[in-house]
Amino acid sequence: MSRITTNPQILGGKPIIKNTRMSVAFILELLASDVTEDEILIDYPHLTKEDIQACLRYAAQAVKNDIYIELGKAA
């Protein structure tokens, strides 16, 4: 997790990719919107594949918590 950091003075302390102002949430939103890793790297050339993978690892760790969002019932 050395690529992910927080700083209360950057984006209100949200987790970001180290040495950037790119939030983990923003990268995850791009991926969830079907933007490919390669497209992200083209649009944000200061990022690396390792940065994107670090965001995914961070998200995987975050969902291990015992907090669940209630979703609608399956049809």
C-alpha atoms as a PDB file:
ATOM      1  CA  MET A   1       0.000   0.000   0.000  1.00  0.00           C
ATOM      2  CA  SER A   2       2.973   2.312  -0.327  1.00  0.00           C
ATOM      3  CA  ARG A   3       1.402   3.939  -3.410  1.00  0.00           C
ATOM      4  CA  ILE A   4      -1.730   5.057  -1.541  1.00  0.00           C
ATOM      5  CA  THR A   5      -1.626   7.811   1.058  1.00  0.00           C
ATOM      6  CA  THR A   6      -3.790  10.386   2.786  1.00  0.00           C
ATOM      7  CA  ASN A   7      -3.161  14.013   3.618  1.00  0.00           C
ATOM      8  CA  PRO A   8      -5.765  16.186   5.345  1.00  0.00           C
ATOM      9  CA  GLN A   9      -4.666  19.089   3.124  1.00  0.00           C
ATOM     10  CA  ILE A  10      -5.299  17.217  -0.137  1.00  0.00           C
ATOM     11  CA  LEU A  11      -8.875  16.370  -1.152  1.00  0.00           C
ATOM     12  CA  GLY A  12     -10.013  16.590   2.455  1.00  0.00           C
ATOM     13  CA  GLY A  13      -7.921  13.587   3.484  1.00  0.00           C
ATOM     14  CA  LYS A  14      -9.380  11.134   0.963  1.00  0.00           C
ATOM     15  CA  PRO A  15      -7.049   8.294  -0.045  1.00  0.00           C
ATOM     16  CA  ILE A  16      -4.969   9.372  -3.047  1.00  0.00           C
ATOM     17  CA  ILE A  17      -2.232   7.973  -5.230  1.00  0.00           C
ATOM     18  CA  LYS A  18       1.022   9.133  -3.680  1.00  0.00           C
ATOM     19  CA  ASN A  19       2.548  12.286  -5.194  1.00  0.00           C
ATOM     20  CA  THR A  20      -0.665  13.076  -7.099  1.00  0.00           C
ATOM     21  CA  ARG A  21      -4.014  14.669  -6.425  1.00  0.00           C
ATOM     22  CA  MET A  22      -5.782  11.636  -7.910  1.00  0.00           C
ATOM     23  CA  SER A  23      -8.163   9.986  -5.484  1.00  0.00           C
ATOM     24  CA  VAL A  24      -8.570   6.246  -5.244  1.00  0.00           C
ATOM     25  CA  ALA A  25     -12.331   6.802  -5.570  1.00  0.00           C
ATOM     26  CA  PHE A  26     -11.876   8.635  -8.887  1.00  0.00           C
ATOM     27  CA  ILE A  27      -9.817   5.805 -10.371  1.00  0.00           C
ATOM     28  CA  LEU A  28     -12.347   3.233  -9.157  1.00  0.00           C
ATOM     29  CA  GLU A  29     -15.192   5.273 -10.672  1.00  0.00           C
ATOM     30  CA  LEU A  30     -13.392   5.332 -14.014  1.00  0.00           C
ATOM     31  CA  LEU A  31     -12.877   1.567 -13.936  1.00  0.00           C
ATOM     32  CA  ALA A  32     -16.498   1.004 -12.895  1.00  0.00           C
ATOM     33  CA  SER A  33     -17.577   3.151 -15.863  1.00  0.00           C
ATOM     34  CA  ASP A  34     -15.823   0.769 -18.272  1.00  0.00           C
ATOM     35  CA  VAL A  35     -12.828   3.028 -18.827  1.00  0.00           C
ATOM     36  CA  THR A  36      -9.949   0.645 -19.445  1.00  0.00           C
ATOM     37  CA  GLU A  37      -6.638   0.715 -17.634  1.00  0.00           C
ATOM     38  CA  ASP A  38      -4.918   1.650 -20.889  1.00  0.00           C
ATOM     39  CA  GLU A  39      -7.329   4.568 -21.437  1.00  0.00           C
ATOM     40  CA  ILE A  40      -6.639   5.833 -17.925  1.00  0.00           C
ATOM     41  CA  LEU A  41      -2.905   5.665 -18.544  1.00  0.00           C
ATOM     42  CA  ILE A  42      -3.288   7.614 -21.804  1.00  0.00           C
ATOM     43  CA  ASP A  43      -5.480  10.281 -20.192  1.00  0.00           C
ATOM     44  CA  TYR A  44      -3.293  10.519 -17.061  1.00  0.00           C
ATOM     45  CA  PRO A  45       0.266   9.746 -18.223  1.00  0.00           C
ATOM     46  CA  HIS A  46       1.732  10.493 -14.787  1.00  0.00           C
ATOM     47  CA  LEU A  47       0.010   7.343 -13.477  1.00  0.00           C
ATOM     48  CA  THR A  48       1.351   3.809 -13.781  1.00  0.00           C
ATOM     49  CA  LYS A  49      -0.276   0.397 -13.965  1.00  0.00           C
ATOM     50  CA  GLU A  50       1.030  -0.170 -10.454  1.00  0.00           C
ATOM     51  CA  ASP A  51      -0.897   2.917  -9.272  1.00  0.00           C
ATOM     52  CA  ILE A  52      -4.134   1.542 -10.699  1.00  0.00           C
ATOM     53  CA  GLN A  53      -3.481  -1.878  -9.166  1.00  0.00           C
ATOM     54  CA  ALA A  54      -2.806  -0.196  -5.816  1.00  0.00           C
ATOM     55  CA  CYS A  55      -6.239   1.458  -6.024  1.00  0.00           C
ATOM     56  CA  LEU A  56      -7.850  -1.923  -6.604  1.00  0.00           C
ATOM     57  CA  ARG A  57      -5.938  -3.470  -3.701  1.00  0.00           C
ATOM     58  CA  TYR A  58      -6.991  -0.575  -1.472  1.00  0.00           C
ATOM     59  CA  ALA A  59     -10.635  -1.101  -2.453  1.00  0.00           C
ATOM     60  CA  ALA A  60     -10.381  -4.834  -1.814  1.00  0.00           C
ATOM     61  CA  GLN A  61      -9.038  -4.159   1.678  1.00  0.00           C
ATOM     62  CA  ALA A  62     -11.730  -1.555   2.324  1.00  0.00           C
ATOM     63  CA  VAL A  63     -14.615  -3.925   1.552  1.00  0.00           C
ATOM     64  CA  LYS A  64     -13.294  -6.445   4.052  1.00  0.00           C
ATOM     65  CA  ASN A  65     -14.831  -4.272   6.769  1.00  0.00           C
ATOM     66  CA  ASP A  66     -18.079  -5.408   8.361  1.00  0.00           C
ATOM     67  CA  ILE A  67     -20.051  -2.477   6.951  1.00  0.00           C
ATOM     68  CA  TYR A  68     -22.464  -3.338   4.176  1.00  0.00           C
ATOM     69  CA  ILE A  69     -24.593  -1.128   1.988  1.00  0.00           C
ATOM     70  CA  GLU A  70     -28.141  -2.384   1.704  1.00  0.00           C
ATOM     71  CA  LEU A  71     -29.068  -3.050  -1.890  1.00  0.00           C
ATOM     72  CA  GLY A  72     -32.480  -3.586  -3.392  1.00  0.00           C
ATOM     73  CA  LYS A  73     -33.940  -7.076  -3.312  1.00  0.00           C
ATOM     74  CA  ALA A  74     -33.089  -9.339  -6.188  1.00  0.00           C
ATOM     75  CA  ALA A  75     -35.910  -9.821  -8.679  1.00  0.00           C
END
